[in-house]
N, C-alpha and C. Protein backbone atom coordinates (compact mmCIF):
# COMPACT_ATOMS: atom_id res chain seq x y z
N ASN A 1 122.37 133.33 141.37
CA ASN A 1 122.20 132.24 142.32
C ASN A 1 120.81 131.66 142.14
N GLY A 2 120.74 130.48 141.61
CA GLY A 2 119.47 129.84 141.35
C GLY A 2 118.99 128.94 142.46
N TYR A 3 119.78 128.75 143.49
CA TYR A 3 119.42 127.79 144.52
C TYR A 3 118.77 128.46 145.71
N ASN A 4 118.02 127.68 146.46
CA ASN A 4 117.46 128.09 147.71
C ASN A 4 118.62 128.45 148.64
N ASP A 5 118.60 129.66 149.20
CA ASP A 5 119.72 130.13 150.01
C ASP A 5 120.00 129.23 151.21
N GLU A 6 118.93 128.70 151.83
CA GLU A 6 119.13 127.80 152.98
C GLU A 6 119.83 126.51 152.55
N LEU A 7 119.45 125.98 151.39
CA LEU A 7 120.07 124.75 150.88
C LEU A 7 121.54 125.00 150.56
N VAL A 8 121.83 126.14 149.95
CA VAL A 8 123.21 126.49 149.62
C VAL A 8 124.06 126.52 150.89
N LYS A 9 123.51 127.13 151.94
CA LYS A 9 124.23 127.23 153.21
C LYS A 9 124.39 125.84 153.85
N GLU A 10 123.30 125.07 153.87
CA GLU A 10 123.33 123.73 154.49
C GLU A 10 124.33 122.80 153.80
N LEU A 11 124.34 122.82 152.46
CA LEU A 11 125.22 121.93 151.71
C LEU A 11 126.60 122.52 151.46
N GLU A 12 126.78 123.79 151.88
CA GLU A 12 128.05 124.48 151.69
C GLU A 12 128.50 124.47 150.23
N ILE A 13 127.58 124.86 149.34
CA ILE A 13 127.91 124.92 147.91
C ILE A 13 127.88 126.36 147.43
N ARG A 14 128.60 126.58 146.35
CA ARG A 14 128.59 127.89 145.70
C ARG A 14 127.38 127.95 144.77
N PRO A 15 126.94 129.16 144.43
CA PRO A 15 125.84 129.26 143.47
C PRO A 15 126.24 128.66 142.12
N GLY A 16 125.29 128.10 141.41
CA GLY A 16 125.57 127.49 140.12
C GLY A 16 124.30 127.40 139.29
N VAL A 17 124.38 126.74 138.16
CA VAL A 17 123.24 126.62 137.25
C VAL A 17 122.69 125.20 137.19
N GLY A 18 123.36 124.28 137.85
CA GLY A 18 122.90 122.90 137.87
C GLY A 18 123.54 122.16 139.02
N LEU A 19 122.87 121.10 139.45
CA LEU A 19 123.41 120.28 140.53
C LEU A 19 122.91 118.86 140.34
N ALA A 20 123.84 117.93 140.29
CA ALA A 20 123.50 116.51 140.17
C ALA A 20 123.48 115.88 141.56
N SER A 21 122.57 114.94 141.75
CA SER A 21 122.42 114.29 143.05
C SER A 21 123.72 113.67 143.53
N VAL A 22 124.50 113.12 142.62
CA VAL A 22 125.76 112.47 143.03
C VAL A 22 126.75 113.47 143.63
N GLN A 23 126.60 114.75 143.31
CA GLN A 23 127.49 115.76 143.87
C GLN A 23 127.27 115.97 145.36
N ILE A 24 126.09 115.57 145.85
CA ILE A 24 125.80 115.72 147.28
C ILE A 24 125.62 114.35 147.94
N GLY A 25 126.17 113.32 147.28
CA GLY A 25 126.19 111.99 147.88
C GLY A 25 124.95 111.15 147.72
N VAL A 26 124.03 111.58 146.87
CA VAL A 26 122.81 110.81 146.61
C VAL A 26 123.01 110.05 145.30
N LEU A 27 123.15 108.75 145.39
CA LEU A 27 123.48 107.94 144.21
C LEU A 27 122.24 107.57 143.41
N LYS A 28 121.60 108.58 142.86
CA LYS A 28 120.43 108.43 141.99
C LYS A 28 120.70 109.20 140.71
N ARG A 29 119.96 108.88 139.66
CA ARG A 29 120.13 109.55 138.36
C ARG A 29 119.18 110.76 138.30
N ILE A 30 119.55 111.78 139.06
CA ILE A 30 118.72 112.98 139.20
C ILE A 30 119.62 114.21 139.14
N PHE A 31 119.14 115.26 138.46
CA PHE A 31 119.81 116.56 138.57
C PHE A 31 118.80 117.67 138.41
N VAL A 32 119.22 118.87 138.79
CA VAL A 32 118.38 120.06 138.72
C VAL A 32 119.08 121.07 137.83
N ILE A 33 118.28 121.76 137.03
CA ILE A 33 118.79 122.87 136.22
C ILE A 33 118.07 124.14 136.67
N TYR A 34 118.83 125.20 136.86
CA TYR A 34 118.29 126.53 137.13
C TYR A 34 119.20 127.49 136.38
N ALA A 35 118.86 127.73 135.11
CA ALA A 35 119.76 128.51 134.26
C ALA A 35 118.97 129.34 133.26
N TYR A 36 119.52 130.47 132.92
CA TYR A 36 118.96 131.32 131.87
C TYR A 36 119.73 131.05 130.59
N ASN A 37 118.99 130.92 129.50
CA ASN A 37 119.67 130.74 128.21
C ASN A 37 120.18 132.09 127.71
N GLU A 38 120.79 132.06 126.54
CA GLU A 38 121.39 133.29 126.01
C GLU A 38 120.35 134.33 125.62
N LYS A 39 119.06 133.96 125.60
CA LYS A 39 117.98 134.92 125.31
C LYS A 39 117.34 135.44 126.59
N GLY A 40 117.83 134.98 127.75
CA GLY A 40 117.29 135.43 129.03
C GLY A 40 116.10 134.62 129.52
N GLU A 41 115.81 133.49 128.90
CA GLU A 41 114.69 132.64 129.31
C GLU A 41 115.15 131.67 130.40
N LEU A 42 114.35 131.56 131.47
CA LEU A 42 114.70 130.70 132.59
C LEU A 42 114.29 129.25 132.32
N PHE A 43 115.21 128.33 132.59
CA PHE A 43 114.95 126.90 132.55
C PHE A 43 115.16 126.40 133.97
N HIS A 44 114.08 125.96 134.62
CA HIS A 44 114.17 125.51 136.01
C HIS A 44 113.31 124.27 136.18
N PHE A 45 113.96 123.13 136.32
CA PHE A 45 113.23 121.88 136.49
C PHE A 45 114.17 120.79 136.97
N GLY A 46 113.57 119.73 137.48
CA GLY A 46 114.33 118.57 137.89
C GLY A 46 114.33 117.53 136.78
N VAL A 47 115.39 116.75 136.70
CA VAL A 47 115.56 115.73 135.66
C VAL A 47 115.80 114.39 136.37
N VAL A 48 114.95 113.41 136.06
CA VAL A 48 115.06 112.09 136.68
C VAL A 48 115.25 111.04 135.59
N ASN A 49 116.23 110.19 135.76
CA ASN A 49 116.54 109.09 134.83
C ASN A 49 116.65 109.55 133.37
N PRO A 50 117.53 110.52 133.09
CA PRO A 50 117.65 111.03 131.72
C PRO A 50 118.41 110.09 130.80
N LYS A 51 118.08 110.21 129.53
CA LYS A 51 118.82 109.52 128.47
C LYS A 51 118.88 110.47 127.29
N ILE A 52 120.09 110.81 126.84
CA ILE A 52 120.23 111.63 125.63
C ILE A 52 120.05 110.69 124.45
N ILE A 53 119.04 110.99 123.62
CA ILE A 53 118.71 110.06 122.53
C ILE A 53 119.21 110.53 121.17
N SER A 54 119.57 111.80 121.06
CA SER A 54 120.21 112.26 119.82
C SER A 54 120.99 113.54 120.11
N GLU A 55 121.98 113.78 119.26
CA GLU A 55 122.81 114.98 119.42
C GLU A 55 123.31 115.43 118.05
N SER A 56 123.53 116.72 117.92
CA SER A 56 124.01 117.28 116.66
C SER A 56 125.50 116.99 116.49
N THR A 57 125.93 117.02 115.24
CA THR A 57 127.38 116.92 114.97
C THR A 57 128.03 118.29 115.15
N GLU A 58 127.22 119.34 115.03
CA GLU A 58 127.71 120.69 115.28
C GLU A 58 127.96 120.85 116.78
N LEU A 59 129.11 121.43 117.13
CA LEU A 59 129.49 121.58 118.53
C LEU A 59 129.42 123.04 118.97
N THR A 60 129.42 123.23 120.28
CA THR A 60 129.46 124.57 120.85
C THR A 60 130.28 124.52 122.13
N PHE A 61 130.65 125.70 122.63
CA PHE A 61 131.45 125.76 123.86
C PHE A 61 131.29 127.12 124.51
N LEU A 62 131.65 127.19 125.78
CA LEU A 62 131.68 128.45 126.51
C LEU A 62 133.09 129.03 126.37
N PRO A 63 133.23 130.22 125.80
CA PRO A 63 134.55 130.80 125.57
C PRO A 63 135.38 130.96 126.85
N THR A 64 134.72 131.09 128.00
CA THR A 64 135.43 131.23 129.27
C THR A 64 135.68 129.87 129.92
N GLY A 65 135.24 128.80 129.28
CA GLY A 65 135.39 127.47 129.85
C GLY A 65 134.25 127.13 130.79
N GLU A 66 134.21 125.88 131.22
CA GLU A 66 133.18 125.44 132.15
C GLU A 66 133.74 125.43 133.57
N GLY A 67 132.83 125.49 134.52
CA GLY A 67 133.19 125.37 135.92
C GLY A 67 132.27 124.35 136.56
N CYS A 68 132.50 124.06 137.83
CA CYS A 68 131.71 123.01 138.48
C CYS A 68 131.71 123.22 139.98
N LEU A 69 130.56 122.97 140.60
CA LEU A 69 130.47 123.07 142.05
C LEU A 69 131.36 122.06 142.75
N SER A 70 131.69 120.98 142.07
CA SER A 70 132.54 119.94 142.66
C SER A 70 134.03 120.24 142.53
N VAL A 71 134.37 121.30 141.80
CA VAL A 71 135.77 121.63 141.55
C VAL A 71 136.01 123.04 142.08
N ASP A 72 136.86 123.17 143.08
CA ASP A 72 137.05 124.47 143.73
C ASP A 72 138.23 125.26 143.18
N ARG A 73 138.49 125.07 141.88
CA ARG A 73 139.57 125.81 141.23
C ARG A 73 139.20 126.03 139.77
N ASP A 74 139.86 126.99 139.14
CA ASP A 74 139.66 127.20 137.71
C ASP A 74 140.40 126.10 136.96
N VAL A 75 139.78 125.61 135.90
CA VAL A 75 140.41 124.61 135.05
C VAL A 75 140.53 125.22 133.66
N GLU A 76 141.75 125.33 133.16
CA GLU A 76 142.01 125.94 131.86
C GLU A 76 141.61 124.99 130.73
N GLY A 77 140.91 125.53 129.73
CA GLY A 77 140.58 124.75 128.56
C GLY A 77 139.11 124.85 128.19
N LEU A 78 138.82 124.39 126.98
CA LEU A 78 137.47 124.46 126.43
C LEU A 78 136.85 123.07 126.36
N VAL A 79 135.55 123.03 126.61
CA VAL A 79 134.80 121.78 126.51
C VAL A 79 133.85 121.92 125.33
N HIS A 80 134.04 121.12 124.31
CA HIS A 80 133.18 121.16 123.12
C HIS A 80 132.10 120.10 123.27
N ARG A 81 130.85 120.54 123.16
CA ARG A 81 129.71 119.64 123.34
C ARG A 81 128.75 119.80 122.17
N PRO A 82 127.91 118.79 121.90
CA PRO A 82 126.91 118.95 120.85
C PRO A 82 126.05 120.20 121.09
N LYS A 83 125.83 120.96 120.04
CA LYS A 83 125.07 122.20 120.13
C LYS A 83 123.60 121.94 120.42
N ARG A 84 123.08 120.84 119.89
CA ARG A 84 121.68 120.48 120.08
C ARG A 84 121.59 119.04 120.56
N ILE A 85 120.71 118.80 121.52
CA ILE A 85 120.47 117.44 121.99
C ILE A 85 118.97 117.21 122.13
N THR A 86 118.58 115.96 122.09
CA THR A 86 117.23 115.55 122.44
C THR A 86 117.38 114.55 123.57
N ALA A 87 116.60 114.74 124.62
CA ALA A 87 116.70 113.87 125.79
C ALA A 87 115.31 113.40 126.22
N LYS A 88 115.28 112.19 126.71
CA LYS A 88 114.05 111.61 127.27
C LYS A 88 114.29 111.45 128.77
N PHE A 89 113.34 111.91 129.58
CA PHE A 89 113.51 111.84 131.04
C PHE A 89 112.18 112.13 131.72
N HIS A 90 112.16 111.95 133.02
CA HIS A 90 111.02 112.38 133.83
C HIS A 90 111.34 113.79 134.32
N LYS A 91 110.48 114.73 133.97
CA LYS A 91 110.69 116.14 134.31
C LYS A 91 109.88 116.48 135.56
N TYR A 92 110.58 117.04 136.54
CA TYR A 92 109.90 117.50 137.76
C TYR A 92 109.71 119.00 137.66
N ASP A 93 108.44 119.43 137.74
CA ASP A 93 108.10 120.84 137.68
C ASP A 93 107.99 121.36 139.12
N PHE A 94 108.84 122.30 139.50
CA PHE A 94 108.86 122.80 140.87
C PHE A 94 107.63 123.63 141.21
N LYS A 95 106.94 124.19 140.22
CA LYS A 95 105.73 124.97 140.48
C LYS A 95 104.55 124.06 140.76
N THR A 96 104.34 123.08 139.88
CA THR A 96 103.17 122.20 140.02
C THR A 96 103.46 120.99 140.89
N LYS A 97 104.74 120.74 141.17
CA LYS A 97 105.19 119.57 141.93
C LYS A 97 104.78 118.26 141.24
N LYS A 98 104.73 118.29 139.92
CA LYS A 98 104.37 117.12 139.12
C LYS A 98 105.59 116.56 138.41
N LEU A 99 105.56 115.24 138.22
CA LEU A 99 106.61 114.53 137.51
C LEU A 99 105.97 113.92 136.27
N GLU A 100 106.53 114.22 135.09
CA GLU A 100 105.97 113.64 133.87
C GLU A 100 107.08 113.22 132.93
N GLU A 101 106.84 112.13 132.20
CA GLU A 101 107.82 111.66 131.23
C GLU A 101 107.75 112.56 130.00
N VAL A 102 108.90 113.04 129.57
CA VAL A 102 108.96 113.96 128.44
C VAL A 102 110.12 113.61 127.53
N THR A 103 110.03 114.10 126.30
CA THR A 103 111.16 114.13 125.38
C THR A 103 111.32 115.59 125.01
N MET A 104 112.48 116.15 125.28
CA MET A 104 112.70 117.58 125.05
C MET A 104 113.97 117.80 124.25
N LYS A 105 113.96 118.91 123.50
CA LYS A 105 115.13 119.33 122.73
C LYS A 105 115.74 120.55 123.42
N PHE A 106 117.05 120.57 123.47
CA PHE A 106 117.77 121.70 124.06
C PHE A 106 118.85 122.12 123.08
N GLU A 107 119.18 123.41 123.12
CA GLU A 107 120.26 123.90 122.27
C GLU A 107 121.10 124.92 123.02
N ASN A 108 122.29 125.12 122.50
CA ASN A 108 123.22 126.13 122.99
C ASN A 108 123.50 125.97 124.49
N TYR A 109 123.34 127.05 125.26
CA TYR A 109 123.76 127.03 126.66
C TYR A 109 123.02 125.98 127.49
N ILE A 110 121.71 125.87 127.30
CA ILE A 110 120.96 124.90 128.11
C ILE A 110 121.38 123.48 127.74
N ALA A 111 121.72 123.23 126.48
CA ALA A 111 122.24 121.91 126.09
C ALA A 111 123.57 121.64 126.80
N ILE A 112 124.41 122.66 126.93
CA ILE A 112 125.68 122.49 127.64
C ILE A 112 125.42 122.15 129.11
N VAL A 113 124.53 122.91 129.76
CA VAL A 113 124.23 122.66 131.17
C VAL A 113 123.68 121.25 131.35
N PHE A 114 122.74 120.85 130.49
CA PHE A 114 122.14 119.51 130.58
C PHE A 114 123.22 118.43 130.46
N GLN A 115 124.08 118.58 129.45
CA GLN A 115 125.13 117.58 129.23
C GLN A 115 126.15 117.55 130.37
N HIS A 116 126.46 118.70 130.93
CA HIS A 116 127.40 118.78 132.05
C HIS A 116 126.85 117.98 133.24
N GLU A 117 125.58 118.21 133.58
CA GLU A 117 124.97 117.50 134.71
C GLU A 117 124.79 116.02 134.39
N TYR A 118 124.42 115.72 133.16
CA TYR A 118 124.26 114.32 132.71
C TYR A 118 125.59 113.57 132.85
N ASP A 119 126.67 114.24 132.51
CA ASP A 119 128.00 113.64 132.66
C ASP A 119 128.26 113.21 134.10
N HIS A 120 127.85 114.04 135.06
CA HIS A 120 128.05 113.68 136.47
C HIS A 120 127.43 112.32 136.78
N LEU A 121 126.26 112.08 136.22
CA LEU A 121 125.56 110.82 136.49
C LEU A 121 126.31 109.62 135.93
N ASN A 122 127.20 109.89 134.97
CA ASN A 122 127.98 108.83 134.33
C ASN A 122 129.45 108.85 134.78
N GLY A 123 129.73 109.59 135.85
CA GLY A 123 131.09 109.62 136.40
C GLY A 123 132.09 110.40 135.58
N ILE A 124 131.61 111.33 134.76
CA ILE A 124 132.49 112.12 133.89
C ILE A 124 132.51 113.56 134.40
N MET A 125 133.70 114.12 134.53
CA MET A 125 133.86 115.51 134.92
C MET A 125 134.18 116.33 133.66
N PHE A 126 133.83 117.62 133.69
CA PHE A 126 134.04 118.45 132.51
C PHE A 126 135.49 118.46 132.06
N MET A 127 136.44 118.42 133.01
CA MET A 127 137.85 118.47 132.62
C MET A 127 138.29 117.22 131.88
N ASP A 128 137.53 116.12 132.03
CA ASP A 128 137.82 114.91 131.26
C ASP A 128 137.61 115.14 129.77
N ARG A 129 136.82 116.15 129.42
CA ARG A 129 136.49 116.43 128.02
C ARG A 129 137.39 117.50 127.40
N ILE A 130 138.33 118.03 128.16
CA ILE A 130 139.25 119.04 127.63
C ILE A 130 140.42 118.33 126.96
N ASP A 131 140.78 118.79 125.76
CA ASP A 131 141.91 118.22 125.03
C ASP A 131 143.19 118.44 125.85
N LYS A 132 143.83 117.36 126.22
CA LYS A 132 145.02 117.44 127.09
C LYS A 132 146.23 118.07 126.39
N ILE A 133 146.36 117.85 125.08
CA ILE A 133 147.50 118.36 124.33
C ILE A 133 147.31 119.84 123.98
N ASN A 134 146.11 120.20 123.54
CA ASN A 134 145.83 121.58 123.17
C ASN A 134 144.48 121.98 123.77
N PRO A 135 144.45 122.42 125.04
CA PRO A 135 143.20 122.68 125.73
C PRO A 135 142.33 123.79 125.14
N PHE A 136 142.92 124.65 124.31
CA PHE A 136 142.15 125.74 123.72
C PHE A 136 141.88 125.53 122.23
N PHE A 137 142.11 124.31 121.75
CA PHE A 137 141.83 123.97 120.36
C PHE A 137 140.33 124.10 120.10
N VAL A 138 139.99 124.70 118.93
CA VAL A 138 138.59 124.82 118.53
C VAL A 138 138.41 124.13 117.19
N PRO A 139 137.68 123.01 117.18
CA PRO A 139 137.42 122.32 115.91
C PRO A 139 136.59 123.20 114.98
N GLU A 140 136.68 122.93 113.68
CA GLU A 140 135.92 123.71 112.69
C GLU A 140 134.42 123.68 112.94
N ASN A 141 133.91 122.57 113.47
CA ASN A 141 132.46 122.44 113.66
C ASN A 141 132.00 122.92 115.03
N SER A 142 132.82 123.71 115.73
CA SER A 142 132.45 124.21 117.06
C SER A 142 132.45 125.73 117.08
N LYS A 143 131.37 126.30 117.58
CA LYS A 143 131.22 127.76 117.66
C LYS A 143 130.90 128.14 119.10
N PRO A 144 131.38 129.30 119.57
CA PRO A 144 131.14 129.70 120.96
C PRO A 144 129.69 130.12 121.21
N ILE A 145 129.26 129.95 122.45
CA ILE A 145 127.96 130.47 122.91
C ILE A 145 128.18 131.93 123.26
N LEU A 146 127.35 132.79 122.75
CA LEU A 146 127.43 134.21 123.08
C LEU A 146 126.13 134.66 123.72
N PHE A 147 126.23 135.36 124.83
CA PHE A 147 125.07 135.91 125.50
C PHE A 147 124.89 137.35 125.05
N ALA A 148 123.72 137.92 125.32
CA ALA A 148 123.42 139.30 124.92
C ALA A 148 124.53 140.23 125.39
N GLY A 149 125.03 141.06 124.49
CA GLY A 149 126.07 142.02 124.83
C GLY A 149 127.48 141.51 124.63
N GLU A 150 127.63 140.20 124.40
CA GLU A 150 128.96 139.65 124.16
C GLU A 150 129.27 139.73 122.68
N ASP A 151 130.55 139.76 122.36
CA ASP A 151 130.98 139.86 120.98
C ASP A 151 132.12 138.87 120.75
N THR A 152 132.25 138.43 119.51
CA THR A 152 133.37 137.54 119.20
C THR A 152 134.62 138.37 118.97
N GLU A 153 135.77 137.74 119.12
CA GLU A 153 137.05 138.43 118.89
C GLU A 153 137.62 138.02 117.55
N GLU A 154 136.80 137.99 116.52
CA GLU A 154 137.27 137.55 115.20
C GLU A 154 137.69 138.72 114.36
């Protein structure tokens, strides 16, 4: 649970790794990330007016699928997203309470979280990205994200 417990209770949301302003009725291009990458490193910051300026052709996905605070049910299928992205945005640092314009690169899990929240700002839900005909199809250029202790079933 990365969120302030009082805020979670007030907004009646489940714990998660990101939250876009539009999910709570604020029509601004803002989201927050509070997530650990597959190496256990914490990424916690606010994102204001983001623009993804480049992305890899190599894709990645979560083997268990994606979930969302806005969706109160499991959705079957895989979401394939660029493994690496570069984004330009104003970064809000919760420790220093400073906002600065940055260009940052993200990969693997944090890239997935960033893209998931970015999609919210553009009116796209994760299930919109699941192949309707074959929801568990894995393209050749897509590899799963594995966290410490996880293993592939190959």
